[in-house]
PDB file of N, CA and C in Angstrom:
ATOM      1  N   MET A   1      60.891 227.648  47.170  1.00  0.00           N
ATOM      2  CA  MET A   1      61.257 227.703  48.585  1.00  0.00           C
ATOM      3  C   MET A   1      61.169 229.165  49.025  1.00  0.00           C
ATOM      4  N   ASN A   2      60.466 229.403  50.115  1.00  0.00           N
ATOM      5  CA  ASN A   2      60.347 230.746  50.674  1.00  0.00           C
ATOM      6  C   ASN A   2      61.237 230.861  51.905  1.00  0.00           C
ATOM      7  N   ALA A   3      62.465 231.282  51.693  1.00  0.00           N
ATOM      8  CA  ALA A   3      63.420 231.427  52.792  1.00  0.00           C
ATOM      9  C   ALA A   3      63.431 232.882  53.255  1.00  0.00           C
ATOM     10  N   ASP A   4      63.537 233.068  54.554  1.00  0.00           N
ATOM     11  CA  ASP A   4      63.643 234.409  55.125  1.00  0.00           C
ATOM     12  C   ASP A   4      65.102 234.816  55.199  1.00  0.00           C
ATOM     13  N   PRO A   5      65.426 236.061  54.836  1.00  0.00           N
ATOM     14  CA  PRO A   5      66.827 236.499  54.821  1.00  0.00           C
ATOM     15  C   PRO A   5      67.385 236.706  56.223  1.00  0.00           C
ATOM     16  N   ARG A   6      68.603 236.264  56.406  1.00  0.00           N
ATOM     17  CA  ARG A   6      69.345 236.472  57.646  1.00  0.00           C
ATOM     18  C   ARG A   6      70.812 236.655  57.287  1.00  0.00           C
ATOM     19  N   LYS A   7      71.637 236.965  58.284  1.00  0.00           N
ATOM     20  CA  LYS A   7      73.085 237.070  58.126  1.00  0.00           C
ATOM     21  C   LYS A   7      73.747 235.893  58.824  1.00  0.00           C
ATOM     22  N   LEU A   8      74.747 235.338  58.179  1.00  0.00           N
ATOM     23  CA  LEU A   8      75.620 234.360  58.809  1.00  0.00           C
ATOM     24  C   LEU A   8      76.884 235.111  59.194  1.00  0.00           C
ATOM     25  N   VAL A   9      77.128 235.221  60.488  1.00  0.00           N
ATOM     26  CA  VAL A   9      78.327 235.885  61.010  1.00  0.00           C
ATOM     27  C   VAL A   9      79.332 234.787  61.321  1.00  0.00           C
ATOM     28  N   THR A  10      80.509 234.874  60.725  1.00  0.00           N
ATOM     29  CA  THR A  10      81.571 233.902  60.973  1.00  0.00           C
ATOM     30  C   THR A  10      82.737 234.626  61.623  1.00  0.00           C
ATOM     31  N   ILE A  11      83.179 234.116  62.760  1.00  0.00           N
ATOM     32  CA  ILE A  11      84.283 234.707  63.518  1.00  0.00           C
ATOM     33  C   ILE A  11      85.340 233.625  63.687  1.00  0.00           C
ATOM     34  N   ILE A  12      86.562 233.937  63.319  1.00  0.00           N
ATOM     35  CA  ILE A  12      87.683 233.024  63.553  1.00  0.00           C
ATOM     36  C   ILE A  12      88.634 233.738  64.493  1.00  0.00           C
ATOM     37  N   THR A  13      88.914 233.101  65.617  1.00  0.00           N
ATOM     38  CA  THR A  13      89.693 233.764  66.654  1.00  0.00           C
ATOM     39  C   THR A  13      90.383 232.748  67.559  1.00  0.00           C
ATOM     40  N   GLU A  14      91.029 233.239  68.563  1.00  0.00           N
ATOM     41  CA  GLU A  14      91.777 232.434  69.515  1.00  0.00           C
ATOM     42  C   GLU A  14      90.833 231.672  70.452  1.00  0.00           C
ATOM     43  N   ALA A  15      91.110 230.393  70.642  1.00  0.00           N
ATOM     44  CA  ALA A  15      90.278 229.557  71.505  1.00  0.00           C
ATOM     45  C   ALA A  15      90.283 230.051  72.954  1.00  0.00           C
ATOM     46  N   ALA A  16      91.329 230.719  73.359  1.00  0.00           N
ATOM     47  CA  ALA A  16      91.453 231.169  74.746  1.00  0.00           C
ATOM     48  C   ALA A  16      90.345 232.127  75.174  1.00  0.00           C
ATOM     49  N   ILE A  17      89.719 232.811  74.218  1.00  0.00           N
ATOM     50  CA  ILE A  17      88.683 233.782  74.592  1.00  0.00           C
ATOM     51  C   ILE A  17      87.270 233.267  74.288  1.00  0.00           C
ATOM     52  N   GLU A  18      87.135 231.984  74.026  1.00  0.00           N
ATOM     53  CA  GLU A  18      85.839 231.416  73.620  1.00  0.00           C
ATOM     54  C   GLU A  18      84.713 231.760  74.593  1.00  0.00           C
ATOM     55  N   ARG A  19      84.860 231.438  75.857  1.00  0.00           N
ATOM     56  CA  ARG A  19      83.768 231.630  76.823  1.00  0.00           C
ATOM     57  C   ARG A  19      83.351 233.095  76.896  1.00  0.00           C
ATOM     58  N   ARG A  20      84.312 233.972  77.024  1.00  0.00           N
ATOM     59  CA  ARG A  20      84.027 235.412  77.120  1.00  0.00           C
ATOM     60  C   ARG A  20      83.327 235.914  75.865  1.00  0.00           C
ATOM     61  N   LEU A  21      83.803 235.491  74.717  1.00  0.00           N
ATOM     62  CA  LEU A  21      83.232 235.921  73.449  1.00  0.00           C
ATOM     63  C   LEU A  21      81.800 235.401  73.281  1.00  0.00           C
ATOM     64  N   LEU A  22      81.560 234.141  73.619  1.00  0.00           N
ATOM     65  CA  LEU A  22      80.210 233.593  73.513  1.00  0.00           C
ATOM     66  C   LEU A  22      79.237 234.297  74.440  1.00  0.00           C
ATOM     67  N   ASP A  23      79.684 234.629  75.640  1.00  0.00           N
ATOM     68  CA  ASP A  23      78.835 235.398  76.556  1.00  0.00           C
ATOM     69  C   ASP A  23      78.467 236.747  75.941  1.00  0.00           C
ATOM     70  N   ASP A  24      79.434 237.411  75.321  1.00  0.00           N
ATOM     71  CA  ASP A  24      79.170 238.695  74.663  1.00  0.00           C
ATOM     72  C   ASP A  24      78.173 238.531  73.514  1.00  0.00           C
ATOM     73  N   LEU A  25      78.362 237.500  72.694  1.00  0.00           N
ATOM     74  CA  LEU A  25      77.477 237.304  71.543  1.00  0.00           C
ATOM     75  C   LEU A  25      76.041 237.050  71.988  1.00  0.00           C
ATOM     76  N   LYS A  26      75.856 236.267  73.036  1.00  0.00           N
ATOM     77  CA  LYS A  26      74.505 236.017  73.544  1.00  0.00           C
ATOM     78  C   LYS A  26      73.898 237.310  74.089  1.00  0.00           C
ATOM     79  N   ARG A  27      74.687 238.086  74.805  1.00  0.00           N
ATOM     80  CA  ARG A  27      74.211 239.355  75.352  1.00  0.00           C
ATOM     81  C   ARG A  27      73.815 240.323  74.237  1.00  0.00           C
ATOM     82  N   LEU A  28      74.509 240.228  73.082  1.00  0.00           N
ATOM     83  CA  LEU A  28      74.232 241.105  71.941  1.00  0.00           C
ATOM     84  C   LEU A  28      73.060 240.616  71.086  1.00  0.00           C
ATOM     85  N   GLY A  29      72.489 239.452  71.409  1.00  0.00           N
ATOM     86  CA  GLY A  29      71.293 239.014  70.712  1.00  0.00           C
ATOM     87  C   GLY A  29      71.371 237.698  69.973  1.00  0.00           C
ATOM     88  N   ALA A  30      72.500 237.012  70.003  1.00  0.00           N
ATOM     89  CA  ALA A  30      72.589 235.704  69.339  1.00  0.00           C
ATOM     90  C   ALA A  30      71.687 234.712  70.052  1.00  0.00           C
ATOM     91  N   HIS A  31      70.838 234.020  69.303  1.00  0.00           N
ATOM     92  CA  HIS A  31      69.957 233.010  69.884  1.00  0.00           C
ATOM     93  C   HIS A  31      70.658 231.671  70.001  1.00  0.00           C
ATOM     94  N   GLY A  32      71.728 231.504  69.254  1.00  0.00           N
ATOM     95  CA  GLY A  32      72.503 230.273  69.277  1.00  0.00           C
ATOM     96  C   GLY A  32      73.771 230.471  68.477  1.00  0.00           C
ATOM     97  N   TYR A  33      74.619 229.462  68.461  1.00  0.00           N
ATOM     98  CA  TYR A  33      75.899 229.548  67.758  1.00  0.00           C
ATOM     99  C   TYR A  33      76.426 228.141  67.526  1.00  0.00           C
ATOM    100  N   THR A  34      77.382 228.040  66.638  1.00  0.00           N
ATOM    101  CA  THR A  34      78.116 226.805  66.406  1.00  0.00           C
ATOM    102  C   THR A  34      79.592 227.131  66.552  1.00  0.00           C
ATOM    103  N   VAL A  35      80.311 226.303  67.292  1.00  0.00           N
ATOM    104  CA  VAL A  35      81.748 226.480  67.485  1.00  0.00           C
ATOM    105  C   VAL A  35      82.459 225.239  66.962  1.00  0.00           C
ATOM    106  N   SER A  36      83.515 225.452  66.180  1.00  0.00           N
ATOM    107  CA  SER A  36      84.337 224.342  65.706  1.00  0.00           C
ATOM    108  C   SER A  36      85.805 224.740  65.768  1.00  0.00           C
ATOM    109  N   ASP A  37      86.674 223.741  65.829  1.00  0.00           N
ATOM    110  CA  ASP A  37      88.109 224.001  65.807  1.00  0.00           C
ATOM    111  C   ASP A  37      88.502 224.480  64.414  1.00  0.00           C
ATOM    112  N   ALA A  38      89.498 225.349  64.366  1.00  0.00           N
ATOM    113  CA  ALA A  38      89.968 225.872  63.082  1.00  0.00           C
ATOM    114  C   ALA A  38      91.485 225.966  63.114  1.00  0.00           C
ATOM    115  N   ARG A  39      92.083 225.893  61.955  1.00  0.00           N
ATOM    116  CA  ARG A  39      93.530 226.083  61.838  1.00  0.00           C
ATOM    117  C   ARG A  39      93.810 226.762  60.520  1.00  0.00           C
ATOM    118  N   GLY A  40      94.941 227.424  60.441  1.00  0.00           N
ATOM    119  CA  GLY A  40      95.293 228.111  59.206  1.00  0.00           C
ATOM    120  C   GLY A  40      96.469 229.038  59.420  1.00  0.00           C
ATOM    121  N   GLU A  41      96.688 229.901  58.450  1.00  0.00           N
ATOM    122  CA  GLU A  41      97.802 230.843  58.504  1.00  0.00           C
ATOM    123  C   GLU A  41      97.309 232.201  58.061  1.00  0.00           C
ATOM    124  N   GLY A  42      97.769 233.239  58.753  1.00  0.00           N
ATOM    125  CA  GLY A  42      97.400 234.609  58.427  1.00  0.00           C
ATOM    126  C   GLY A  42      98.505 235.557  58.827  1.00  0.00           C
ATOM    127  N   THR A  43      98.154 236.802  59.035  1.00  0.00           N
ATOM    128  CA  THR A  43      99.156 237.819  59.355  1.00  0.00           C
ATOM    129  C   THR A  43      99.843 237.572  60.691  1.00  0.00           C
ATOM    130  N   ARG A  44      99.235 236.799  61.556  1.00  0.00           N
ATOM    131  CA  ARG A  44      99.850 236.494  62.846  1.00  0.00           C
ATOM    132  C   ARG A  44     100.528 235.126  62.851  1.00  0.00           C
ATOM    133  N   GLY A  45     100.722 234.549  61.669  1.00  0.00           N
ATOM    134  CA  GLY A  45     101.450 233.283  61.556  1.00  0.00           C
ATOM    135  C   GLY A  45     100.520 232.095  61.466  1.00  0.00           C
ATOM    136  N   ILE A  46     101.117 230.910  61.583  1.00  0.00           N
ATOM    137  CA  ILE A  46     100.357 229.662  61.509  1.00  0.00           C
ATOM    138  C   ILE A  46      99.680 229.422  62.844  1.00  0.00           C
ATOM    139  N   ARG A  47      98.398 229.085  62.777  1.00  0.00           N
ATOM    140  CA  ARG A  47      97.622 228.766  63.978  1.00  0.00           C
ATOM    141  C   ARG A  47      97.207 227.309  63.878  1.00  0.00           C
ATOM    142  N   SER A  48      97.650 226.512  64.813  1.00  0.00           N
ATOM    143  CA  SER A  48      97.377 225.080  64.813  1.00  0.00           C
ATOM    144  C   SER A  48      96.267 224.757  65.795  1.00  0.00           C
ATOM    145  N   ALA A  49      95.445 223.780  65.490  1.00  0.00           N
ATOM    146  CA  ALA A  49      94.418 223.333  66.431  1.00  0.00           C
ATOM    147  C   ALA A  49      94.976 222.326  67.431  1.00  0.00           C
ATOM    148  N   GLY A  50      96.246 221.953  67.284  1.00  0.00           N
ATOM    149  CA  GLY A  50      96.818 220.905  68.110  1.00  0.00           C
ATOM    150  C   GLY A  50      97.336 221.340  69.461  1.00  0.00           C
ATOM    151  N   TRP A  51      97.508 222.620  69.679  1.00  0.00           N
ATOM    152  CA  TRP A  51      98.047 223.090  70.958  1.00  0.00           C
ATOM    153  C   TRP A  51      97.117 224.142  71.511  1.00  0.00           C
ATOM    154  N   GLU A  52      96.592 223.913  72.701  1.00  0.00           N
ATOM    155  CA  GLU A  52      95.584 224.781  73.305  1.00  0.00           C
ATOM    156  C   GLU A  52      95.994 226.249  73.308  1.00  0.00           C
ATOM    157  N   GLY A  53      97.258 226.525  73.589  1.00  0.00           N
ATOM    158  CA  GLY A  53      97.723 227.907  73.685  1.00  0.00           C
ATOM    159  C   GLY A  53      97.680 228.665  72.377  1.00  0.00           C
ATOM    160  N   SER A  54      97.668 227.974  71.253  1.00  0.00           N
ATOM    161  CA  SER A  54      97.658 228.678  69.969  1.00  0.00           C
ATOM    162  C   SER A  54      96.523 228.220  69.060  1.00  0.00           C
ATOM    163  N   SER A  55      95.546 227.515  69.617  1.00  0.00           N
ATOM    164  CA  SER A  55      94.479 226.997  68.763  1.00  0.00           C
ATOM    165  C   SER A  55      93.463 228.082  68.427  1.00  0.00           C
ATOM    166  N   ASN A  56      92.786 227.876  67.329  1.00  0.00           N
ATOM    167  CA  ASN A  56      91.740 228.783  66.865  1.00  0.00           C
ATOM    168  C   ASN A  56      90.402 228.082  66.885  1.00  0.00           C
ATOM    169  N   ILE A  57      89.360 228.883  66.928  1.00  0.00           N
ATOM    170  CA  ILE A  57      88.000 228.381  66.789  1.00  0.00           C
ATOM    171  C   ILE A  57      87.289 229.195  65.716  1.00  0.00           C
ATOM    172  N   ARG A  58      86.258 228.574  65.161  1.00  0.00           N
ATOM    173  CA  ARG A  58      85.368 229.275  64.235  1.00  0.00           C
ATOM    174  C   ARG A  58      83.998 229.283  64.903  1.00  0.00           C
ATOM    175  N   ILE A  59      83.435 230.473  65.057  1.00  0.00           N
ATOM    176  CA  ILE A  59      82.101 230.636  65.636  1.00  0.00           C
ATOM    177  C   ILE A  59      81.185 231.111  64.522  1.00  0.00           C
ATOM    178  N   GLU A  60      80.049 230.448  64.385  1.00  0.00           N
ATOM    179  CA  GLU A  60      79.072 230.850  63.378  1.00  0.00           C
ATOM    180  C   GLU A  60      77.752 231.170  64.067  1.00  0.00           C
ATOM    181  N   VAL A  61      77.178 232.311  63.695  1.00  0.00           N
ATOM    182  CA  VAL A  61      75.909 232.765  64.255  1.00  0.00           C
ATOM    183  C   VAL A  61      75.015 233.183  63.099  1.00  0.00           C
ATOM    184  N   VAL A  62      73.801 232.690  63.082  1.00  0.00           N
ATOM    185  CA  VAL A  62      72.801 233.153  62.120  1.00  0.00           C
ATOM    186  C   VAL A  62      71.886 234.105  62.878  1.00  0.00           C
ATOM    187  N   CYS A  63      71.716 235.310  62.344  1.00  0.00           N
ATOM    188  CA  CYS A  63      70.951 236.335  63.051  1.00  0.00           C
ATOM    189  C   CYS A  63      70.417 237.370  62.068  1.00  0.00           C
ATOM    190  N   ASP A  64      69.669 238.323  62.596  1.00  0.00           N
ATOM    191  CA  ASP A  64      69.194 239.404  61.739  1.00  0.00           C
ATOM    192  C   ASP A  64      70.316 240.421  61.528  1.00  0.00           C
ATOM    193  N   GLU A  65      70.096 241.337  60.608  1.00  0.00           N
ATOM    194  CA  GLU A  65      71.139 242.292  60.240  1.00  0.00           C
ATOM    195  C   GLU A  65      71.519 243.214  61.394  1.00  0.00           C
ATOM    196  N   ALA A  66      70.545 243.653  62.186  1.00  0.00           N
ATOM    197  CA  ALA A  66      70.839 244.552  63.314  1.00  0.00           C
ATOM    198  C   ALA A  66      71.740 243.871  64.345  1.00  0.00           C
ATOM    199  N   THR A  67      71.487 242.597  64.617  1.00  0.00           N
ATOM    200  CA  THR A  67      72.322 241.859  65.561  1.00  0.00           C
ATOM    201  C   THR A  67      73.724 241.670  65.003  1.00  0.00           C
ATOM    202  N   ALA A  68      73.829 241.375  63.716  1.00  0.00           N
ATOM    203  CA  ALA A  68      75.146 241.231  63.077  1.00  0.00           C
ATOM    204  C   ALA A  68      75.935 242.530  63.180  1.00  0.00           C
ATOM    205  N   GLU A  69      75.280 243.645  62.950  1.00  0.00           N
ATOM    206  CA  GLU A  69      75.962 244.942  63.049  1.00  0.00           C
ATOM    207  C   GLU A  69      76.401 245.234  64.477  1.00  0.00           C
ATOM    208  N   ALA A  70      75.567 244.911  65.454  1.00  0.00           N
ATOM    209  CA  ALA A  70      75.934 245.121  66.858  1.00  0.00           C
ATOM    210  C   ALA A  70      77.142 244.264  67.233  1.00  0.00           C
ATOM    211  N   MET A  71      77.171 243.025  66.761  1.00  0.00           N
ATOM    212  CA  MET A  71      78.311 242.149  67.022  1.00  0.00           C
ATOM    213  C   MET A  71      79.579 242.718  66.400  1.00  0.00           C
ATOM    214  N   ALA A  72      79.477 243.180  65.168  1.00  0.00           N
ATOM    215  CA  ALA A  72      80.649 243.732  64.474  1.00  0.00           C
ATOM    216  C   ALA A  72      81.216 244.936  65.228  1.00  0.00           C
ATOM    217  N   ARG A  73      80.351 245.842  65.631  1.00  0.00           N
ATOM    218  CA  ARG A  73      80.819 247.028  66.373  1.00  0.00           C
ATOM    219  C   ARG A  73      81.508 246.619  67.669  1.00  0.00           C
ATOM    220  N   HIS A  74      80.886 245.705  68.416  1.00  0.00           N
ATOM    221  CA  HIS A  74      81.433 245.297  69.718  1.00  0.00           C
ATOM    222  C   HIS A  74      82.770 244.572  69.569  1.00  0.00           C
ATOM    223  N   LEU A  75      82.833 243.608  68.663  1.00  0.00           N
ATOM    224  CA  LEU A  75      84.077 242.859  68.496  1.00  0.00           C
ATOM    225  C   LEU A  75      85.201 243.756  68.010  1.00  0.00           C
ATOM    226  N   LYS A  76      84.889 244.636  67.082  1.00  0.00           N
ATOM    227  CA  LYS A  76      85.922 245.547  66.571  1.00  0.00           C
ATOM    228  C   LYS A  76      86.462 246.436  67.689  1.00  0.00           C
ATOM    229  N   SER A  77      85.600 246.954  68.536  1.00  0.00           N
ATOM    230  CA  SER A  77      86.061 247.882  69.566  1.00  0.00           C
ATOM    231  C   SER A  77      86.652 247.197  70.797  1.00  0.00           C
ATOM    232  N   HIS A  78      86.279 245.942  71.074  1.00  0.00           N
ATOM    233  CA  HIS A  78      86.750 245.284  72.289  1.00  0.00           C
ATOM    234  C   HIS A  78      87.778 244.174  72.083  1.00  0.00           C
ATOM    235  N   TYR A  79      87.903 243.645  70.869  1.00  0.00           N
ATOM    236  CA  TYR A  79      88.770 242.481  70.673  1.00  0.00           C
ATOM    237  C   TYR A  79      89.856 242.671  69.611  1.00  0.00           C
ATOM    238  N   TYR A  80      89.559 243.403  68.558  1.00  0.00           N
ATOM    239  CA  TYR A  80      90.469 243.429  67.405  1.00  0.00           C
ATOM    240  C   TYR A  80      91.887 243.876  67.744  1.00  0.00           C
ATOM    241  N   ALA A  81      92.060 244.804  68.632  1.00  0.00           N
ATOM    242  CA  ALA A  81      93.395 245.318  68.942  1.00  0.00           C
ATOM    243  C   ALA A  81      94.232 244.332  69.753  1.00  0.00           C
ATOM    244  N   HIS A  82      93.576 243.371  70.400  1.00  0.00           N
ATOM    245  CA  HIS A  82      94.287 242.517  71.362  1.00  0.00           C
ATOM    246  C   HIS A  82      94.357 241.035  70.984  1.00  0.00           C
ATOM    247  N   TYR A  83      93.544 240.610  70.018  1.00  0.00           N
ATOM    248  CA  TYR A  83      93.477 239.191  69.690  1.00  0.00           C
ATOM    249  C   TYR A  83      93.522 238.977  68.177  1.00  0.00           C
ATOM    250  N   ALA A  84      94.019 237.800  67.792  1.00  0.00           N
ATOM    251  CA  ALA A  84      93.933 237.404  66.386  1.00  0.00           C
ATOM    252  C   ALA A  84      92.470 237.092  66.122  1.00  0.00           C
ATOM    253  N   MET A  85      91.848 237.861  65.234  1.00  0.00           N
ATOM    254  CA  MET A  85      90.416 237.684  64.993  1.00  0.00           C
ATOM    255  C   MET A  85      90.055 238.230  63.626  1.00  0.00           C
ATOM    256  N   ILE A  86      89.242 237.473  62.907  1.00  0.00           N
ATOM    257  CA  ILE A  86      88.602 237.998  61.706  1.00  0.00           C
ATOM    258  C   ILE A  86      87.113 237.693  61.818  1.00  0.00           C
ATOM    259  N   MET A  87      86.337 238.509  61.129  1.00  0.00           N
ATOM    260  CA  MET A  87      84.903 238.321  61.127  1.00  0.00           C
ATOM    261  C   MET A  87      84.406 238.645  59.728  1.00  0.00           C
ATOM    262  N   TYR A  88      83.499 237.819  59.216  1.00  0.00           N
ATOM    263  CA  TYR A  88      82.912 238.112  57.919  1.00  0.00           C
ATOM    264  C   TYR A  88      81.455 237.699  57.924  1.00  0.00           C
ATOM    265  N   PHE A  89      80.717 238.213  56.943  1.00  0.00           N
ATOM    266  CA  PHE A  89      79.271 238.062  56.892  1.00  0.00           C
ATOM    267  C   PHE A  89      78.854 237.479  55.553  1.00  0.00           C
ATOM    268  N   SER A  90      77.811 236.675  55.582  1.00  0.00           N
ATOM    269  CA  SER A  90      77.223 236.115  54.367  1.00  0.00           C
ATOM    270  C   SER A  90      75.711 236.280  54.459  1.00  0.00           C
ATOM    271  N   ASP A  91      75.086 236.499  53.316  1.00  0.00           N
ATOM    272  CA  ASP A  91      73.635 236.512  53.255  1.00  0.00           C
ATOM    273  C   ASP A  91      73.166 235.071  53.139  1.00  0.00           C
ATOM    274  N   VAL A  92      72.225 234.675  53.993  1.00  0.00           N
ATOM    275  CA  VAL A  92      71.674 233.330  53.963  1.00  0.00           C
ATOM    276  C   VAL A  92      70.159 233.411  54.046  1.00  0.00           C
ATOM    277  N   GLY A  93      69.510 232.331  53.676  1.00  0.00           N
ATOM    278  CA  GLY A  93      68.066 232.215  53.826  1.00  0.00           C
ATOM    279  C   GLY A  93      67.762 231.090  54.795  1.00  0.00           C
ATOM    280  N   VAL A  94      66.800 231.320  55.687  1.00  0.00           N
ATOM    281  CA  VAL A  94      66.436 230.314  56.682  1.00  0.00           C
ATOM    282  C   VAL A  94      64.974 229.920  56.526  1.00  0.00           C
ATOM    283  N   LEU A  95      64.656 228.704  56.900  1.00  0.00           N
ATOM    284  CA  LEU A  95      63.301 228.198  56.771  1.00  0.00           C
ATOM    285  C   LEU A  95      62.493 228.294  58.065  1.00  0.00           C
ATOM    286  N   ARG A  96      63.159 228.500  59.175  1.00  0.00           N
ATOM    287  CA  ARG A  96      62.456 228.683  60.452  1.00  0.00           C
ATOM    288  C   ARG A  96      62.945 229.983  61.087  1.00  0.00           C
ATOM    289  N   PRO A  97      62.466 231.129  60.590  1.00  0.00           N
ATOM    290  CA  PRO A  97      62.996 232.421  61.024  1.00  0.00           C
ATOM    291  C   PRO A  97      62.822 232.695  62.515  1.00  0.00           C
ATOM    292  N   GLU A  98      61.850 232.077  63.157  1.00  0.00           N
ATOM    293  CA  GLU A  98      61.624 232.314  64.580  1.00  0.00           C
ATOM    294  C   GLU A  98      62.798 231.815  65.435  1.00  0.00           C
ATOM    295  N   LYS A  99      63.634 230.957  64.895  1.00  0.00           N
ATOM    296  CA  LYS A  99      64.794 230.442  65.622  1.00  0.00           C
ATOM    297  C   LYS A  99      65.972 231.408  65.613  1.00  0.00           C
ATOM    298  N   PHE A 100      65.906 232.438  64.755  1.00  0.00           N
ATOM    299  CA  PHE A 100      67.037 233.338  64.575  1.00  0.00           C
ATOM    300  C   PHE A 100      66.659 234.762  64.854  1.00  0.00           C
TER     301      PHE A 100
END
């Protein structure tokens, strides 16, 4: 299998900022994304998916390394101080690189 290397950017954050965050990610170069409900516990306590005011989402974006770095810089400088948010990266291989 000849897969092209890309980055999988995973962001877990507050559902309340979904629209604004997705607009930023598209502006920074994301060609697409996947959003799902998430729940768990971290330094800011338990986050439940059952109540809109405290629900979390997981956003996943497959992109090139430069786009992943731009997203990391932007989210760190504009969101980290004010919202519950984590972001992590994984190396992935894709079969249709033109989509990412």
